[in-house]
PDB file of all heavy atoms in Angstrom:
ATOM      1  N   PRO A   1      79.246  92.136 -91.968  1.00  0.00           N
ATOM      2  CA  PRO A   1      79.013  90.713 -91.809  1.00  0.00           C
ATOM      3  C   PRO A   1      80.132  90.028 -91.041  1.00  0.00           C
ATOM      4  O   PRO A   1      81.322  90.323 -91.275  1.00  0.00           O
ATOM      5  CB  PRO A   1      78.882  90.179 -93.263  1.00  0.00           C
ATOM      6  CG  PRO A   1      78.368  91.332 -93.971  1.00  0.00           C
ATOM      7  CD  PRO A   1      79.057  92.519 -93.400  1.00  0.00           C
ATOM      8  N   GLY A   2      79.748  89.167 -90.100  1.00  0.00           N
ATOM      9  CA  GLY A   2      80.744  88.475 -89.274  1.00  0.00           C
ATOM     10  C   GLY A   2      81.021  89.238 -87.992  1.00  0.00           C
ATOM     11  O   GLY A   2      81.737  88.681 -87.114  1.00  0.00           O
ATOM     12  N   GLY A   3      80.521  90.442 -87.924  1.00  0.00           N
ATOM     13  CA  GLY A   3      80.798  91.194 -86.720  1.00  0.00           C
ATOM     14  C   GLY A   3      79.835  90.902 -85.551  1.00  0.00           C
ATOM     15  O   GLY A   3      79.071  89.969 -85.642  1.00  0.00           O
ATOM     16  N   SER A   4      80.029  91.671 -84.542  1.00  0.00           N
ATOM     17  CA  SER A   4      79.246  91.452 -83.261  1.00  0.00           C
ATOM     18  C   SER A   4      78.664  92.778 -82.723  1.00  0.00           C
ATOM     19  O   SER A   4      79.221  93.874 -82.944  1.00  0.00           O
ATOM     20  CB  SER A   4      80.195  90.909 -82.189  1.00  0.00           C
ATOM     21  OG  SER A   4      80.747  89.607 -82.548  1.00  0.00           O
ATOM     22  N   LEU A   5      77.593  92.553 -82.081  1.00  0.00           N
ATOM     23  CA  LEU A   5      76.892  93.661 -81.271  1.00  0.00           C
ATOM     24  C   LEU A   5      76.324  93.104 -80.065  1.00  0.00           C
ATOM     25  O   LEU A   5      75.976  91.882 -79.981  1.00  0.00           O
ATOM     26  CB  LEU A   5      75.811  94.290 -82.113  1.00  0.00           C
ATOM     27  CG  LEU A   5      76.083  95.185 -83.269  1.00  0.00           C
ATOM     28  CD1 LEU A   5      74.898  95.617 -84.049  1.00  0.00           C
ATOM     29  CD2 LEU A   5      76.875  96.482 -82.768  1.00  0.00           C
ATOM     30  N   ARG A   6      76.171  93.967 -79.087  1.00  0.00           N
ATOM     31  CA  ARG A   6      75.407  93.483 -77.824  1.00  0.00           C
ATOM     32  C   ARG A   6      74.310  94.459 -77.558  1.00  0.00           C
ATOM     33  O   ARG A   6      74.550  95.623 -77.363  1.00  0.00           O
ATOM     34  CB  ARG A   6      76.399  93.422 -76.608  1.00  0.00           C
ATOM     35  CG  ARG A   6      75.741  92.840 -75.428  1.00  0.00           C
ATOM     36  CD  ARG A   6      76.625  92.625 -74.274  1.00  0.00           C
ATOM     37  NE  ARG A   6      76.885  93.812 -73.562  1.00  0.00           N
ATOM     38  CZ  ARG A   6      77.424  93.918 -72.309  1.00  0.00           C
ATOM     39  NH1 ARG A   6      77.770  92.831 -71.710  1.00  0.00           N
ATOM     40  NH2 ARG A   6      77.603  95.128 -71.771  1.00  0.00           N
ATOM     41  N   LEU A   7      73.123  93.942 -77.547  1.00  0.00           N
ATOM     42  CA  LEU A   7      71.979  94.781 -77.247  1.00  0.00           C
ATOM     43  C   LEU A   7      71.565  94.605 -75.736  1.00  0.00           C
ATOM     44  O   LEU A   7      71.734  93.578 -75.194  1.00  0.00           O
ATOM     45  CB  LEU A   7      70.750  94.287 -78.104  1.00  0.00           C
ATOM     46  CG  LEU A   7      70.939  94.262 -79.559  1.00  0.00           C
ATOM     47  CD1 LEU A   7      69.594  93.894 -80.288  1.00  0.00           C
ATOM     48  CD2 LEU A   7      71.475  95.523 -80.137  1.00  0.00           C
ATOM     49  N   SER A   8      71.152  95.724 -75.222  1.00  0.00           N
ATOM     50  CA  SER A   8      70.758  95.759 -73.795  1.00  0.00           C
ATOM     51  C   SER A   8      69.344  96.266 -73.687  1.00  0.00           C
ATOM     52  O   SER A   8      69.011  97.208 -74.416  1.00  0.00           O
ATOM     53  CB  SER A   8      71.738  96.576 -72.998  1.00  0.00           C
ATOM     54  OG  SER A   8      71.408  96.616 -71.624  1.00  0.00           O
ATOM     55  N   CYS A   9      68.615  95.779 -72.781  1.00  0.00           N
ATOM     56  CA  CYS A   9      67.300  96.246 -72.447  1.00  0.00           C
ATOM     57  C   CYS A   9      67.155  96.464 -70.957  1.00  0.00           C
ATOM     58  O   CYS A   9      67.336  95.586 -70.161  1.00  0.00           O
ATOM     59  CB  CYS A   9      66.252  95.231 -72.905  1.00  0.00           C
ATOM     60  SG  CYS A   9      64.525  95.620 -72.417  1.00  0.00           S
ATOM     61  N   ALA A  10      66.942  97.730 -70.572  1.00  0.00           N
ATOM     62  CA  ALA A  10      66.787  98.058 -69.158  1.00  0.00           C
ATOM     63  C   ALA A  10      65.286  98.133 -68.802  1.00  0.00           C
ATOM     64  O   ALA A  10      64.568  98.837 -69.584  1.00  0.00           O
ATOM     65  CB  ALA A  10      67.393  99.423 -68.943  1.00  0.00           C
ATOM     66  N   ALA A  11      64.960  97.478 -67.772  1.00  0.00           N
ATOM     67  CA  ALA A  11      63.513  97.446 -67.403  1.00  0.00           C
ATOM     68  C   ALA A  11      63.298  98.150 -66.051  1.00  0.00           C
ATOM     69  O   ALA A  11      64.212  98.153 -65.183  1.00  0.00           O
ATOM     70  CB  ALA A  11      63.052  95.999 -67.222  1.00  0.00           C
ATOM     71  N   SER A  12      62.184  98.804 -65.956  1.00  0.00           N
ATOM     72  CA  SER A  12      61.819  99.508 -64.708  1.00  0.00           C
ATOM     73  C   SER A  12      60.356  99.512 -64.529  1.00  0.00           C
ATOM     74  O   SER A  12      59.552  99.272 -65.468  1.00  0.00           O
ATOM     75  CB  SER A  12      62.305 100.939 -64.831  1.00  0.00           C
ATOM     76  OG  SER A  12      61.700 101.677 -65.782  1.00  0.00           O
ATOM     77  N   GLY A  13      59.949  99.758 -63.298  1.00  0.00           N
ATOM     78  CA  GLY A  13      58.496  99.955 -63.017  1.00  0.00           C
ATOM     79  C   GLY A  13      57.764  98.705 -62.400  1.00  0.00           C
ATOM     80  O   GLY A  13      56.631  98.899 -61.947  1.00  0.00           O
ATOM     81  N   SER A  14      58.480  97.623 -62.404  1.00  0.00           N
ATOM     82  CA  SER A  14      57.761  96.459 -61.855  1.00  0.00           C
ATOM     83  C   SER A  14      58.825  95.427 -61.372  1.00  0.00           C
ATOM     84  O   SER A  14      59.977  95.715 -61.407  1.00  0.00           O
ATOM     85  CB  SER A  14      56.819  95.750 -62.861  1.00  0.00           C
ATOM     86  OG  SER A  14      56.024  94.824 -62.278  1.00  0.00           O
ATOM     87  N   VAL A  15      58.352  94.296 -60.979  1.00  0.00           N
ATOM     88  CA  VAL A  15      59.327  93.256 -60.470  1.00  0.00           C
ATOM     89  C   VAL A  15      59.852  92.453 -61.670  1.00  0.00           C
ATOM     90  O   VAL A  15      59.201  91.508 -62.201  1.00  0.00           O
ATOM     91  CB  VAL A  15      58.640  92.358 -59.431  1.00  0.00           C
ATOM     92  CG1 VAL A  15      59.585  91.334 -58.843  1.00  0.00           C
ATOM     93  CG2 VAL A  15      57.949  93.139 -58.338  1.00  0.00           C
ATOM     94  N   PHE A  16      60.973  92.766 -62.109  1.00  0.00           N
ATOM     95  CA  PHE A  16      61.573  92.336 -63.298  1.00  0.00           C
ATOM     96  C   PHE A  16      61.609  90.803 -63.344  1.00  0.00           C
ATOM     97  O   PHE A  16      61.363  90.173 -64.355  1.00  0.00           O
ATOM     98  CB  PHE A  16      62.978  92.874 -63.500  1.00  0.00           C
ATOM     99  CG  PHE A  16      63.772  92.370 -64.705  1.00  0.00           C
ATOM    100  CD1 PHE A  16      63.461  92.877 -65.915  1.00  0.00           C
ATOM    101  CD2 PHE A  16      64.749  91.470 -64.498  1.00  0.00           C
ATOM    102  CE1 PHE A  16      64.134  92.375 -67.089  1.00  0.00           C
ATOM    103  CE2 PHE A  16      65.465  90.969 -65.574  1.00  0.00           C
ATOM    104  CZ  PHE A  16      65.170  91.462 -66.849  1.00  0.00           C
ATOM    105  N   ARG A  17      61.964  90.188 -62.243  1.00  0.00           N
ATOM    106  CA  ARG A  17      62.275  88.725 -62.190  1.00  0.00           C
ATOM    107  C   ARG A  17      60.971  87.901 -62.417  1.00  0.00           C
ATOM    108  O   ARG A  17      61.029  86.756 -62.659  1.00  0.00           O
ATOM    109  CB  ARG A  17      62.885  88.387 -60.833  1.00  0.00           C
ATOM    110  CG  ARG A  17      62.065  88.585 -59.664  1.00  0.00           C
ATOM    111  CD  ARG A  17      62.762  88.186 -58.334  1.00  0.00           C
ATOM    112  NE  ARG A  17      62.026  88.652 -57.194  1.00  0.00           N
ATOM    113  CZ  ARG A  17      60.995  87.994 -56.739  1.00  0.00           C
ATOM    114  NH1 ARG A  17      60.508  86.895 -57.335  1.00  0.00           N
ATOM    115  NH2 ARG A  17      60.364  88.445 -55.626  1.00  0.00           N
ATOM    116  N   LEU A  18      59.823  88.512 -62.379  1.00  0.00           N
ATOM    117  CA  LEU A  18      58.584  87.842 -62.569  1.00  0.00           C
ATOM    118  C   LEU A  18      58.148  87.765 -64.069  1.00  0.00           C
ATOM    119  O   LEU A  18      57.216  87.080 -64.352  1.00  0.00           O
ATOM    120  CB  LEU A  18      57.513  88.515 -61.778  1.00  0.00           C
ATOM    121  CG  LEU A  18      57.630  88.517 -60.258  1.00  0.00           C
ATOM    122  CD1 LEU A  18      56.470  89.183 -59.575  1.00  0.00           C
ATOM    123  CD2 LEU A  18      57.828  87.102 -59.749  1.00  0.00           C
ATOM    124  N   TYR A  19      58.956  88.447 -64.960  1.00  0.00           N
ATOM    125  CA  TYR A  19      58.523  88.511 -66.336  1.00  0.00           C
ATOM    126  C   TYR A  19      59.398  87.618 -67.154  1.00  0.00           C
ATOM    127  O   TYR A  19      60.591  87.501 -67.042  1.00  0.00           O
ATOM    128  CB  TYR A  19      58.788  89.979 -66.869  1.00  0.00           C
ATOM    129  CG  TYR A  19      57.709  90.922 -66.309  1.00  0.00           C
ATOM    130  CD1 TYR A  19      57.749  91.442 -65.032  1.00  0.00           C
ATOM    131  CD2 TYR A  19      56.700  91.353 -67.149  1.00  0.00           C
ATOM    132  CE1 TYR A  19      56.801  92.305 -64.526  1.00  0.00           C
ATOM    133  CE2 TYR A  19      55.688  92.205 -66.626  1.00  0.00           C
ATOM    134  CZ  TYR A  19      55.799  92.669 -65.372  1.00  0.00           C
ATOM    135  OH  TYR A  19      54.774  93.534 -64.872  1.00  0.00           O
ATOM    136  N   THR A  20      58.714  86.967 -68.128  1.00  0.00           N
ATOM    137  CA  THR A  20      59.470  86.351 -69.222  1.00  0.00           C
ATOM    138  C   THR A  20      59.898  87.446 -70.163  1.00  0.00           C
ATOM    139  O   THR A  20      59.107  88.354 -70.538  1.00  0.00           O
ATOM    140  CB  THR A  20      58.490  85.368 -70.015  1.00  0.00           C
ATOM    141  OG1 THR A  20      58.290  84.175 -69.178  1.00  0.00           O
ATOM    142  CG2 THR A  20      59.203  84.950 -71.359  1.00  0.00           C
ATOM    143  N   MET A  21      61.209  87.459 -70.561  1.00  0.00           N
ATOM    144  CA  MET A  21      61.778  88.506 -71.369  1.00  0.00           C
ATOM    145  C   MET A  21      62.136  87.897 -72.760  1.00  0.00           C
ATOM    146  O   MET A  21      62.409  86.735 -72.821  1.00  0.00           O
ATOM    147  CB  MET A  21      62.985  89.073 -70.679  1.00  0.00           C
ATOM    148  CG  MET A  21      62.692  89.628 -69.298  1.00  0.00           C
ATOM    149  SD  MET A  21      61.541  91.003 -69.380  1.00  0.00           S
ATOM    150  CE  MET A  21      62.372  92.240 -70.392  1.00  0.00           C
ATOM    151  N   GLY A  22      62.137  88.762 -73.685  1.00  0.00           N
ATOM    152  CA  GLY A  22      62.499  88.357 -75.067  1.00  0.00           C
ATOM    153  C   GLY A  22      62.966  89.454 -75.920  1.00  0.00           C
ATOM    154  O   GLY A  22      62.851  90.630 -75.607  1.00  0.00           O
ATOM    155  N   TRP A  23      63.512  89.029 -77.011  1.00  0.00           N
ATOM    156  CA  TRP A  23      63.868  89.909 -78.137  1.00  0.00           C
ATOM    157  C   TRP A  23      63.148  89.451 -79.386  1.00  0.00           C
ATOM    158  O   TRP A  23      63.120  88.279 -79.720  1.00  0.00           O
ATOM    159  CB  TRP A  23      65.441  89.865 -78.392  1.00  0.00           C
ATOM    160  CG  TRP A  23      66.169  90.588 -77.304  1.00  0.00           C
ATOM    161  CD1 TRP A  23      66.788  89.925 -76.230  1.00  0.00           C
ATOM    162  CD2 TRP A  23      66.497  92.010 -77.218  1.00  0.00           C
ATOM    163  NE1 TRP A  23      67.402  90.869 -75.456  1.00  0.00           N
ATOM    164  CE2 TRP A  23      67.249  92.115 -76.103  1.00  0.00           C
ATOM    165  CE3 TRP A  23      66.232  93.070 -77.997  1.00  0.00           C
ATOM    166  CZ2 TRP A  23      67.741  93.360 -75.647  1.00  0.00           C
ATOM    167  CZ3 TRP A  23      66.687  94.310 -77.563  1.00  0.00           C
ATOM    168  CH2 TRP A  23      67.449  94.466 -76.413  1.00  0.00           C
ATOM    169  N   TYR A  24      62.578  90.497 -80.102  1.00  0.00           N
ATOM    170  CA  TYR A  24      61.969  90.262 -81.383  1.00  0.00           C
ATOM    171  C   TYR A  24      62.655  91.257 -82.351  1.00  0.00           C
ATOM    172  O   TYR A  24      63.343  92.148 -81.936  1.00  0.00           O
ATOM    173  CB  TYR A  24      60.432  90.653 -81.293  1.00  0.00           C
ATOM    174  CG  TYR A  24      59.629  89.593 -80.610  1.00  0.00           C
ATOM    175  CD1 TYR A  24      59.735  89.328 -79.286  1.00  0.00           C
ATOM    176  CD2 TYR A  24      58.676  88.850 -81.318  1.00  0.00           C
ATOM    177  CE1 TYR A  24      58.946  88.379 -78.613  1.00  0.00           C
ATOM    178  CE2 TYR A  24      57.854  87.816 -80.717  1.00  0.00           C
ATOM    179  CZ  TYR A  24      58.070  87.649 -79.362  1.00  0.00           C
ATOM    180  OH  TYR A  24      57.266  86.665 -78.692  1.00  0.00           O
ATOM    181  N   ARG A  25      62.459  90.996 -83.606  1.00  0.00           N
ATOM    182  CA  ARG A  25      63.030  91.860 -84.680  1.00  0.00           C
ATOM    183  C   ARG A  25      62.015  91.996 -85.835  1.00  0.00           C
ATOM    184  O   ARG A  25      61.231  91.140 -86.045  1.00  0.00           O
ATOM    185  CB  ARG A  25      64.418  91.316 -85.179  1.00  0.00           C
ATOM    186  CG  ARG A  25      64.316  90.085 -85.978  1.00  0.00           C
ATOM    187  CD  ARG A  25      65.746  89.624 -86.258  1.00  0.00           C
ATOM    188  NE  ARG A  25      65.778  88.350 -86.995  1.00  0.00           N
ATOM    189  CZ  ARG A  25      66.776  87.613 -87.206  1.00  0.00           C
ATOM    190  NH1 ARG A  25      67.940  87.999 -86.764  1.00  0.00           N
ATOM    191  NH2 ARG A  25      66.679  86.492 -87.840  1.00  0.00           N
ATOM    192  N   GLN A  26      62.210  93.141 -86.515  1.00  0.00           N
ATOM    193  CA  GLN A  26      61.332  93.368 -87.630  1.00  0.00           C
ATOM    194  C   GLN A  26      62.178  93.932 -88.732  1.00  0.00           C
ATOM    195  O   GLN A  26      62.786  94.985 -88.604  1.00  0.00           O
ATOM    196  CB  GLN A  26      60.256  94.395 -87.235  1.00  0.00           C
ATOM    197  CG  GLN A  26      59.208  94.528 -88.409  1.00  0.00           C
ATOM    198  CD  GLN A  26      57.942  95.224 -87.948  1.00  0.00           C
ATOM    199  OE1 GLN A  26      57.939  95.830 -86.961  1.00  0.00           O
ATOM    200  NE2 GLN A  26      56.870  95.082 -88.726  1.00  0.00           N
ATOM    201  N   ALA A  27      62.325  93.150 -89.827  1.00  0.00           N
ATOM    202  CA  ALA A  27      63.112  93.564 -90.989  1.00  0.00           C
ATOM    203  C   ALA A  27      62.203  94.391 -91.857  1.00  0.00           C
ATOM    204  O   ALA A  27      60.938  94.336 -91.796  1.00  0.00           O
ATOM    205  CB  ALA A  27      63.583  92.327 -91.741  1.00  0.00           C
ATOM    206  N   PRO A  28      62.794  95.237 -92.743  1.00  0.00           N
ATOM    207  CA  PRO A  28      61.992  96.077 -93.674  1.00  0.00           C
ATOM    208  C   PRO A  28      60.992  95.243 -94.446  1.00  0.00           C
ATOM    209  O   PRO A  28      61.403  94.228 -95.095  1.00  0.00           O
ATOM    210  CB  PRO A  28      62.990  96.731 -94.492  1.00  0.00           C
ATOM    211  CG  PRO A  28      64.295  96.725 -93.621  1.00  0.00           C
ATOM    212  CD  PRO A  28      64.167  95.500 -92.835  1.00  0.00           C
ATOM    213  N   GLY A  29      59.745  95.627 -94.512  1.00  0.00           N
ATOM    214  CA  GLY A  29      58.706  94.919 -95.245  1.00  0.00           C
ATOM    215  C   GLY A  29      58.304  93.577 -94.690  1.00  0.00           C
ATOM    216  O   GLY A  29      57.493  92.927 -95.388  1.00  0.00           O
ATOM    217  N   LYS A  30      58.734  93.225 -93.519  1.00  0.00           N
ATOM    218  CA  LYS A  30      58.321  91.938 -92.976  1.00  0.00           C
ATOM    219  C   LYS A  30      57.678  92.051 -91.565  1.00  0.00           C
ATOM    220  O   LYS A  30      57.769  93.110 -90.944  1.00  0.00           O
ATOM    221  CB  LYS A  30      59.611  91.074 -92.843  1.00  0.00           C
ATOM    222  CG  LYS A  30      60.295  90.663 -94.128  1.00  0.00           C
ATOM    223  CD  LYS A  30      61.413  89.681 -93.953  1.00  0.00           C
ATOM    224  CE  LYS A  30      62.020  89.245 -95.287  1.00  0.00           C
ATOM    225  NZ  LYS A  30      63.040  88.259 -95.102  1.00  0.00           N
ATOM    226  N   GLN A  31      57.027  90.983 -91.156  1.00  0.00           N
ATOM    227  CA  GLN A  31      56.403  90.968 -89.810  1.00  0.00           C
ATOM    228  C   GLN A  31      57.414  90.888 -88.724  1.00  0.00           C
ATOM    229  O   GLN A  31      58.519  90.341 -88.947  1.00  0.00           O
ATOM    230  CB  GLN A  31      55.404  89.899 -89.789  1.00  0.00           C
ATOM    231  CG  GLN A  31      54.145  90.102 -90.660  1.00  0.00           C
ATOM    232  CD  GLN A  31      53.127  89.014 -90.415  1.00  0.00           C
ATOM    233  OE1 GLN A  31      53.456  87.916 -89.989  1.00  0.00           O
ATOM    234  NE2 GLN A  31      51.866  89.367 -90.657  1.00  0.00           N
ATOM    235  N   ARG A  32      57.118  91.421 -87.595  1.00  0.00           N
ATOM    236  CA  ARG A  32      57.941  91.233 -86.363  1.00  0.00           C
ATOM    237  C   ARG A  32      57.975  89.688 -86.126  1.00  0.00           C
ATOM    238  O   ARG A  32      56.984  89.030 -86.075  1.00  0.00           O
ATOM    239  CB  ARG A  32      57.346  91.989 -85.220  1.00  0.00           C
ATOM    240  CG  ARG A  32      58.300  92.109 -84.103  1.00  0.00           C
ATOM    241  CD  ARG A  32      57.698  93.115 -83.004  1.00  0.00           C
ATOM    242  NE  ARG A  32      57.461  94.410 -83.555  1.00  0.00           N
ATOM    243  CZ  ARG A  32      57.100  95.471 -82.734  1.00  0.00           C
ATOM    244  NH1 ARG A  32      56.922  95.280 -81.463  1.00  0.00           N
ATOM    245  NH2 ARG A  32      56.928  96.675 -83.315  1.00  0.00           N
ATOM    246  N   GLU A  33      59.267  89.261 -85.738  1.00  0.00           N
ATOM    247  CA  GLU A  33      59.405  87.873 -85.455  1.00  0.00           C
ATOM    248  C   GLU A  33      60.205  87.603 -84.167  1.00  0.00           C
ATOM    249  O   GLU A  33      61.015  88.481 -83.802  1.00  0.00           O
ATOM    250  CB  GLU A  33      60.147  87.108 -86.565  1.00  0.00           C
ATOM    251  CG  GLU A  33      61.599  87.645 -86.855  1.00  0.00           C
ATOM    252  CD  GLU A  33      62.345  86.693 -87.752  1.00  0.00           C
ATOM    253  OE1 GLU A  33      61.876  85.695 -88.225  1.00  0.00           O
ATOM    254  OE2 GLU A  33      63.550  87.075 -88.042  1.00  0.00           O
TER     255      GLU A  33
END
């Protein structure tokens, strides 16, 4: 707790700049949010 991480997502196969991008998460036993 209190620490840091950096997540990265590499995209390929299409024109990246045309896409809305996002991050979702799913905790154990919960829905993806």
